[in-house]
Amino acid sequence: MKLPRYFLTIITIVITLSLCMGCRDGSDDSRIKDDASDSDNSACAPKSISAEFPFKSNYVQVLGSNMHYIDQGEGDVVLFLHGNPESVYSWRNIMPYLTSHARVIAVDLIGMGKSDKPDIGYYFADHAAYLKEFINALDLQDITLVGHDWGSGLAFHYATEHQDNVKGLAFMEAVLDVDYWENHTAEYQEIYQFFRSEQGKDEVVRNNTIVDPGIPDDVLRKMSEEEMDAYRQPFLQEQDRILTWRWVTEMPIEGQPANMHELVSTYSAKLFEWDVPMLLLYAEPGKEYSPYEAEVVASLLKSGEAVSVGPGLHYLMEDQPHRIGEELARWYKTLPPTAF
């Protein structure tokens, strides 16, 4: 999400060319942390991105429906929250980096992945209610939340409402503040406004557009058919695709929808006053955040850190899962231990 102009002018940050190019040319920088000492600079060597999903499925009943989740490792909880139109599959190459340090849980949001698809509106408030009850059902405590896209918005909302149950926040391509059309090109405005309309809804329902070409268009590498099949699977039926459209209409732009403008504004204000450790992972060029915007956001957070994971667009988990996993593990080990 592009930052409003007034937001960017709160602080002036001088970012040198070497900082902006740091992760491209391999140079070190004190703010963009590319040293990856834990992995002996393994980030410089290419690693395969697996399409496999070798994890045991678990289910818990929440508000009368079953929610699917992955549960690995022991210790304090790291809870992964995917965005639109994703599932726990997005985290398949990232979760293993945390399992030796924490109890790693990744949940399919209600109506997504392998979770049930109850007859509800699938507004943000619905997802937030199911997430809260999922956390209660598993009695999760001292949680570190990791969110992407709308998963970050759900993480922010839960965290600011339950600050005593949150140990840290990590996020990427996040819904961190309200948006304005002036932050976007005319082409972007035309496309996005179309997809917020009833005509856009028909397009999404008929052709599953948010998934395909939506996902591969926002990944630098070529996605395999096995990977794309995993993303398509939850939305094979037309009626199930309305959910992916609903997320688009929930983004607060120019004050609409009014309830979402208020909700996102509220949790955003709380986040910038909170000193909980936060990690903002961003790709280059990224989509919702440019490197410059990521650095501005991190500088405004009381305990924030911005880290470049290398080349990527919106679905950076598919371009840079290993760098994301390495940086999450490095950062997680710096968090203060839970007081018993």
Protein backbone atom coordinates (compact mmCIF):
# COMPACT_ATOMS: atom_id res chain seq x y z
CA MET A 1 0.00 0.00 0.00
CA LYS A 2 1.41 3.37 -0.98
CA LEU A 3 1.89 5.78 1.91
CA PRO A 4 -0.12 9.01 1.94
CA ARG A 5 1.89 12.11 1.15
CA TYR A 6 1.42 13.55 4.62
CA PHE A 7 2.79 10.32 6.07
CA LEU A 8 5.96 10.41 4.00
CA THR A 9 6.64 14.00 4.99
CA ILE A 10 6.52 13.34 8.72
CA ILE A 11 10.23 12.63 8.65
CA THR A 12 13.02 13.32 6.17
CA ILE A 13 15.41 10.44 5.74
CA VAL A 14 18.56 10.71 3.70
CA ILE A 15 19.00 7.35 1.99
CA THR A 16 22.22 7.12 0.00
CA LEU A 17 22.56 5.31 -3.31
CA SER A 18 24.62 2.59 -1.67
CA LEU A 19 21.79 1.87 0.78
CA CYS A 20 19.21 1.65 -1.99
CA MET A 21 21.43 -0.65 -4.02
CA GLY A 22 22.78 -2.63 -1.08
CA CYS A 23 20.94 -5.87 -1.59
CA ARG A 24 21.42 -5.75 -5.35
CA ASP A 25 25.21 -5.48 -5.33
CA GLY A 26 25.76 -7.52 -2.18
CA SER A 27 27.23 -4.65 -0.14
CA ASP A 28 26.59 -4.42 3.58
CA ASP A 29 24.54 -1.65 5.18
CA SER A 30 23.64 -0.88 8.76
CA ARG A 31 19.88 -0.58 8.00
CA ILE A 32 19.37 -3.12 5.23
CA LYS A 33 20.70 -6.22 6.89
CA ASP A 34 22.01 -8.60 4.27
CA ASP A 35 24.81 -10.17 6.29
CA ALA A 36 22.79 -13.34 7.14
CA SER A 37 25.56 -14.49 9.47
CA ASP A 38 23.45 -17.37 10.80
CA SER A 39 23.55 -19.03 7.39
CA ASP A 40 27.22 -18.36 6.50
CA ASN A 41 26.18 -16.09 3.67
CA SER A 42 24.11 -18.89 2.19
CA ALA A 43 21.74 -16.27 0.81
CA CYS A 44 24.33 -15.64 -1.91
CA ALA A 45 23.99 -19.19 -3.18
CA PRO A 46 20.85 -20.19 -5.09
CA LYS A 47 18.44 -22.45 -3.25
CA SER A 48 15.63 -24.40 -4.78
CA ILE A 49 12.04 -23.36 -4.09
CA SER A 50 10.06 -26.51 -3.45
CA ALA A 51 6.48 -27.00 -4.58
CA GLU A 52 6.00 -29.79 -2.05
CA PHE A 53 3.91 -29.41 1.08
CA PRO A 54 5.14 -32.10 3.50
CA PHE A 55 3.14 -31.03 6.55
CA LYS A 56 0.48 -32.83 8.59
CA SER A 57 -2.96 -31.22 8.52
CA ASN A 58 -4.77 -30.36 11.75
CA TYR A 59 -8.31 -29.09 12.27
CA VAL A 60 -10.10 -27.30 15.08
CA GLN A 61 -13.73 -26.26 15.28
CA VAL A 62 -14.23 -22.51 15.40
CA LEU A 63 -17.68 -20.89 15.47
CA GLY A 64 -19.21 -24.07 14.08
CA SER A 65 -16.71 -24.56 11.23
CA ASN A 66 -13.42 -26.42 10.92
CA MET A 67 -10.28 -24.37 10.45
CA HIS A 68 -7.21 -26.04 8.98
CA TYR A 69 -3.75 -25.40 10.37
CA ILE A 70 -0.16 -26.65 10.48
CA ASP A 71 1.49 -27.12 13.88
CA GLN A 72 5.22 -27.91 14.18
CA GLY A 73 7.96 -27.42 16.76
CA GLU A 74 7.83 -26.47 20.43
CA GLY A 75 8.04 -23.32 22.51
CA ASP A 76 6.40 -19.92 22.21
CA VAL A 77 4.10 -19.58 19.23
CA VAL A 78 4.92 -18.06 15.86
CA LEU A 79 1.60 -17.73 14.03
CA PHE A 80 1.68 -17.27 10.24
CA LEU A 81 -1.26 -15.46 8.62
CA HIS A 82 -1.57 -15.54 4.84
CA GLY A 83 -3.28 -12.97 2.64
CA ASN A 84 -5.47 -12.97 -0.46
CA PRO A 85 -5.86 -15.33 -2.37
CA GLU A 86 -3.51 -17.58 -0.44
CA SER A 87 -3.35 -20.37 2.10
CA VAL A 88 -0.83 -22.00 4.43
CA TYR A 89 0.83 -23.23 1.22
CA SER A 90 2.47 -19.80 0.90
CA TRP A 91 4.58 -20.52 3.98
CA ARG A 92 5.80 -24.01 3.00
CA ASN A 93 9.45 -23.03 2.42
CA ILE A 94 9.59 -20.54 5.29
CA MET A 95 8.16 -22.39 8.30
CA PRO A 96 11.08 -24.87 8.60
CA TYR A 97 13.45 -22.02 9.48
CA LEU A 98 11.51 -21.38 12.71
CA THR A 99 10.63 -24.88 13.92
CA SER A 100 13.86 -25.33 15.90
CA HIS A 101 13.18 -22.08 17.77
CA ALA A 102 9.41 -22.01 18.32
CA ARG A 103 6.07 -23.71 17.95
CA VAL A 104 5.17 -22.77 14.39
CA ILE A 105 1.50 -22.58 13.44
CA ALA A 106 0.10 -21.54 10.07
CA VAL A 107 -3.66 -21.28 9.71
CA ASP A 108 -5.92 -21.20 6.67
CA LEU A 109 -8.25 -18.25 7.13
CA ILE A 110 -11.92 -19.17 7.14
CA GLY A 111 -13.15 -19.96 3.60
CA MET A 112 -9.58 -20.28 2.34
CA GLY A 113 -7.17 -23.17 1.88
CA LYS A 114 -8.56 -26.31 3.52
CA SER A 115 -10.70 -24.49 6.07
CA ASP A 116 -14.48 -24.77 5.82
CA LYS A 117 -16.48 -22.33 3.72
CA PRO A 118 -19.48 -21.28 5.82
CA ASP A 119 -22.21 -19.07 4.41
CA ILE A 120 -20.93 -15.71 5.69
CA GLY A 121 -20.07 -12.38 4.09
CA TYR A 122 -16.27 -12.81 4.36
CA TYR A 123 -15.74 -9.24 5.43
CA PHE A 124 -12.65 -8.32 7.44
CA ALA A 125 -14.74 -8.48 10.61
CA ASP A 126 -15.70 -12.08 9.84
CA HIS A 127 -12.08 -13.14 9.37
CA ALA A 128 -11.04 -11.26 12.51
CA ALA A 129 -13.73 -13.01 14.58
CA TYR A 130 -12.71 -16.46 13.35
CA LEU A 131 -9.02 -15.72 13.92
CA LYS A 132 -9.64 -14.55 17.48
CA GLU A 133 -11.64 -17.68 18.28
CA PHE A 134 -9.01 -19.87 16.57
CA ILE A 135 -6.39 -18.42 18.92
CA ASN A 136 -8.70 -18.97 21.89
CA ALA A 137 -9.53 -22.53 20.82
CA LEU A 138 -5.84 -23.48 20.79
CA ASP A 139 -5.11 -21.36 23.87
CA LEU A 140 -2.21 -19.64 22.11
CA GLN A 141 -0.17 -17.32 24.30
CA ASP A 142 2.87 -15.06 23.89
CA ILE A 143 2.38 -15.05 20.14
CA THR A 144 4.69 -13.70 17.49
CA LEU A 145 2.55 -12.88 14.47
CA VAL A 146 3.84 -13.06 10.90
CA GLY A 147 1.52 -11.62 8.27
CA HIS A 148 1.44 -10.97 4.54
CA ASP A 149 -1.07 -8.80 2.66
CA TRP A 150 -4.42 -8.94 4.51
CA GLY A 151 -2.87 -11.44 6.93
CA SER A 152 -0.85 -8.49 8.21
CA GLY A 153 -4.01 -6.45 8.68
CA LEU A 154 -5.55 -9.25 10.74
CA ALA A 155 -2.31 -9.53 12.72
CA PHE A 156 -2.25 -5.79 13.42
CA HIS A 157 -5.90 -5.73 14.46
CA TYR A 158 -5.54 -8.71 16.81
CA ALA A 159 -2.23 -7.49 18.22
CA THR A 160 -3.41 -3.99 19.05
CA GLU A 161 -6.53 -5.39 20.71
CA HIS A 162 -4.57 -8.03 22.69
CA GLN A 163 -1.23 -6.42 23.35
CA ASP A 164 -0.54 -8.54 26.43
CA ASN A 165 -0.65 -11.69 24.29
CA VAL A 166 1.75 -10.58 21.55
CA LYS A 167 5.53 -10.95 21.68
CA GLY A 168 6.42 -9.54 18.27
CA LEU A 169 5.12 -8.63 14.81
CA ALA A 170 6.69 -9.41 11.44
CA PHE A 171 5.03 -8.36 8.22
CA MET A 172 5.47 -7.92 4.47
CA GLU A 173 3.45 -6.15 1.77
CA ALA A 174 1.23 -5.06 4.63
CA VAL A 175 -2.04 -3.21 5.07
CA LEU A 176 -0.51 -0.74 7.50
CA ASP A 177 -2.48 2.41 6.80
CA VAL A 178 -5.38 3.78 4.79
CA ASP A 179 -4.77 4.59 1.14
CA TYR A 180 -5.54 7.38 -1.34
CA TRP A 181 -6.01 7.31 -5.09
CA GLU A 182 -3.44 10.10 -5.54
CA ASN A 183 -0.74 7.66 -4.47
CA HIS A 184 -1.30 5.58 -7.61
CA THR A 185 -1.04 5.89 -11.36
CA ALA A 186 -4.11 6.44 -13.51
CA GLU A 187 -3.73 2.91 -14.87
CA TYR A 188 -3.67 1.43 -11.36
CA GLN A 189 -6.73 3.45 -10.38
CA GLU A 190 -8.69 2.26 -13.41
CA ILE A 191 -7.86 -1.40 -12.83
CA TYR A 192 -8.45 -1.31 -9.08
CA GLN A 193 -11.72 0.58 -9.38
CA PHE A 194 -12.91 -1.96 -11.93
CA PHE A 195 -12.22 -4.84 -9.57
CA ARG A 196 -14.10 -3.09 -6.76
CA SER A 197 -17.22 -2.91 -8.96
CA GLU A 198 -19.96 -5.45 -9.65
CA GLN A 199 -18.44 -5.95 -13.11
CA GLY A 200 -15.16 -6.76 -11.44
CA LYS A 201 -16.93 -9.21 -9.18
CA ASP A 202 -18.37 -11.01 -12.21
CA GLU A 203 -14.90 -11.19 -13.77
CA VAL A 204 -13.38 -12.66 -10.61
CA VAL A 205 -16.19 -15.19 -10.14
CA ARG A 206 -16.12 -16.39 -13.75
CA ASN A 207 -12.37 -16.52 -14.31
CA ASN A 208 -10.74 -16.76 -10.86
CA THR A 209 -8.72 -13.69 -11.88
CA ILE A 210 -7.36 -12.84 -8.42
CA VAL A 211 -5.61 -16.22 -8.35
CA ASP A 212 -4.61 -16.56 -11.98
CA PRO A 213 -3.09 -14.42 -13.43
CA GLY A 214 -3.10 -12.45 -10.14
CA ILE A 215 -0.46 -14.52 -8.36
CA PRO A 216 1.98 -15.28 -11.22
CA ASP A 217 1.82 -11.65 -12.37
CA ASP A 218 3.19 -10.61 -8.97
CA VAL A 219 6.01 -13.18 -8.78
CA LEU A 220 9.29 -12.61 -10.63
CA ARG A 221 10.07 -16.26 -11.29
CA LYS A 222 7.88 -18.59 -13.34
CA MET A 223 5.47 -20.50 -11.12
CA SER A 224 5.17 -24.22 -11.78
CA GLU A 225 1.86 -25.88 -12.57
CA GLU A 226 2.11 -27.84 -9.32
CA GLU A 227 2.38 -24.59 -7.39
CA MET A 228 -0.43 -22.89 -9.27
CA ASP A 229 -2.67 -25.94 -8.82
CA ALA A 230 -2.18 -25.62 -5.07
CA TYR A 231 -3.28 -21.97 -5.21
CA ARG A 232 -6.23 -22.71 -7.52
CA GLN A 233 -7.54 -25.70 -5.55
CA PRO A 234 -9.47 -23.79 -2.84
CA PHE A 235 -11.29 -21.73 -5.49
CA LEU A 236 -12.35 -24.28 -8.09
CA GLN A 237 -16.03 -23.49 -7.52
CA GLU A 238 -17.28 -20.10 -8.69
CA GLN A 239 -19.14 -19.33 -5.46
CA ASP A 240 -15.91 -19.74 -3.48
CA ARG A 241 -14.18 -16.98 -5.48
CA ILE A 242 -16.42 -14.21 -4.17
CA LEU A 243 -14.23 -14.20 -1.06
CA THR A 244 -11.18 -13.18 -3.12
CA TRP A 245 -13.17 -10.25 -4.54
CA ARG A 246 -14.43 -9.23 -1.12
CA TRP A 247 -10.89 -8.65 0.11
CA VAL A 248 -10.37 -6.14 -2.73
CA THR A 249 -13.44 -4.16 -1.72
CA GLU A 250 -12.33 -4.04 1.93
CA MET A 251 -9.19 -1.99 1.22
CA PRO A 252 -9.84 1.51 2.63
CA ILE A 253 -9.25 4.05 -0.15
CA GLU A 254 -10.39 7.67 0.06
CA GLY A 255 -12.32 6.85 3.24
CA GLN A 256 -14.30 3.96 1.76
CA PRO A 257 -15.48 1.61 3.12
CA ALA A 258 -15.94 3.92 6.11
CA ASN A 259 -15.80 1.12 8.70
CA MET A 260 -12.53 -0.19 7.27
CA HIS A 261 -11.07 3.32 7.12
CA GLU A 262 -11.77 3.68 10.84
CA LEU A 263 -10.52 0.20 11.72
CA VAL A 264 -7.24 0.45 9.80
CA SER A 265 -6.64 4.03 11.01
CA THR A 266 -7.18 2.88 14.58
CA TYR A 267 -4.79 -0.06 14.55
CA SER A 268 -2.23 1.95 12.57
CA ALA A 269 -2.17 4.71 15.18
CA LYS A 270 -1.76 2.17 17.96
CA LEU A 271 1.08 0.40 16.16
CA PHE A 272 3.13 3.59 15.88
CA GLU A 273 2.77 4.19 19.62
CA TRP A 274 3.65 0.64 20.66
CA ASP A 275 7.17 -0.51 21.49
CA VAL A 276 6.68 -4.21 20.67
CA PRO A 277 9.47 -5.51 18.37
CA MET A 278 8.46 -5.32 14.70
CA LEU A 279 10.15 -6.59 11.54
CA LEU A 280 9.19 -5.24 8.12
CA LEU A 281 10.43 -7.50 5.32
CA TYR A 282 10.39 -5.99 1.85
CA ALA A 283 11.40 -6.94 -1.66
CA GLU A 284 12.88 -4.88 -4.46
CA PRO A 285 11.09 -3.33 -6.22
CA GLY A 286 8.16 -4.73 -4.20
CA LYS A 287 4.63 -3.59 -4.88
CA GLU A 288 2.95 -2.13 -1.80
CA TYR A 289 6.22 -0.77 -0.40
CA SER A 290 9.23 0.59 -2.21
CA PRO A 291 12.55 0.26 -0.37
CA TYR A 292 12.36 3.96 0.55
CA GLU A 293 8.83 3.63 1.95
CA ALA A 294 9.85 0.56 3.97
CA GLU A 295 12.69 2.51 5.54
CA VAL A 296 10.39 5.42 6.38
CA VAL A 297 7.88 3.09 8.04
CA ALA A 298 10.60 1.34 10.08
CA SER A 299 11.99 4.67 11.24
CA LEU A 300 8.57 5.70 12.56
CA LEU A 301 7.97 2.48 14.50
CA LYS A 302 9.32 2.61 18.05
CA SER A 303 10.96 -0.82 17.80
CA GLY A 304 10.88 -1.35 14.05
CA GLU A 305 13.44 -2.84 11.69
CA ALA A 306 13.29 -2.96 7.88
CA VAL A 307 15.10 -5.71 6.02
CA SER A 308 15.43 -6.25 2.29
CA VAL A 309 15.09 -9.87 1.19
CA GLY A 310 16.14 -9.19 -2.40
CA PRO A 311 14.31 -9.10 -5.72
CA GLY A 312 10.57 -9.66 -5.56
CA LEU A 313 7.09 -8.23 -6.05
CA HIS A 314 3.93 -8.70 -3.96
CA TYR A 315 4.14 -12.46 -3.34
CA LEU A 316 7.72 -12.31 -2.12
CA MET A 317 7.31 -15.63 -0.28
CA GLU A 318 7.44 -17.25 -3.73
CA ASP A 319 10.54 -15.36 -4.85
CA GLN A 320 12.56 -15.16 -1.61
CA PRO A 321 11.31 -17.80 0.87
CA HIS A 322 14.78 -18.68 2.12
CA ARG A 323 15.86 -15.12 2.80
CA ILE A 324 12.53 -14.51 4.54
CA GLY A 325 13.01 -17.64 6.66
CA GLU A 326 16.58 -16.74 7.55
CA GLU A 327 15.70 -13.19 8.52
CA LEU A 328 12.68 -14.27 10.55
CA ALA A 329 14.81 -16.78 12.46
CA ARG A 330 17.56 -14.20 13.07
CA TRP A 331 15.07 -11.61 14.29
CA TYR A 332 13.04 -14.06 16.37
CA LYS A 333 16.12 -15.08 18.36
CA THR A 334 16.59 -11.44 19.39
CA LEU A 335 13.14 -11.20 20.98
CA PRO A 336 13.11 -11.12 24.78
CA PRO A 337 12.22 -14.46 26.37
CA THR A 338 8.77 -14.96 27.78
CA ALA A 339 8.56 -14.19 31.48
CA PHE A 340 6.97 -17.01 33.44
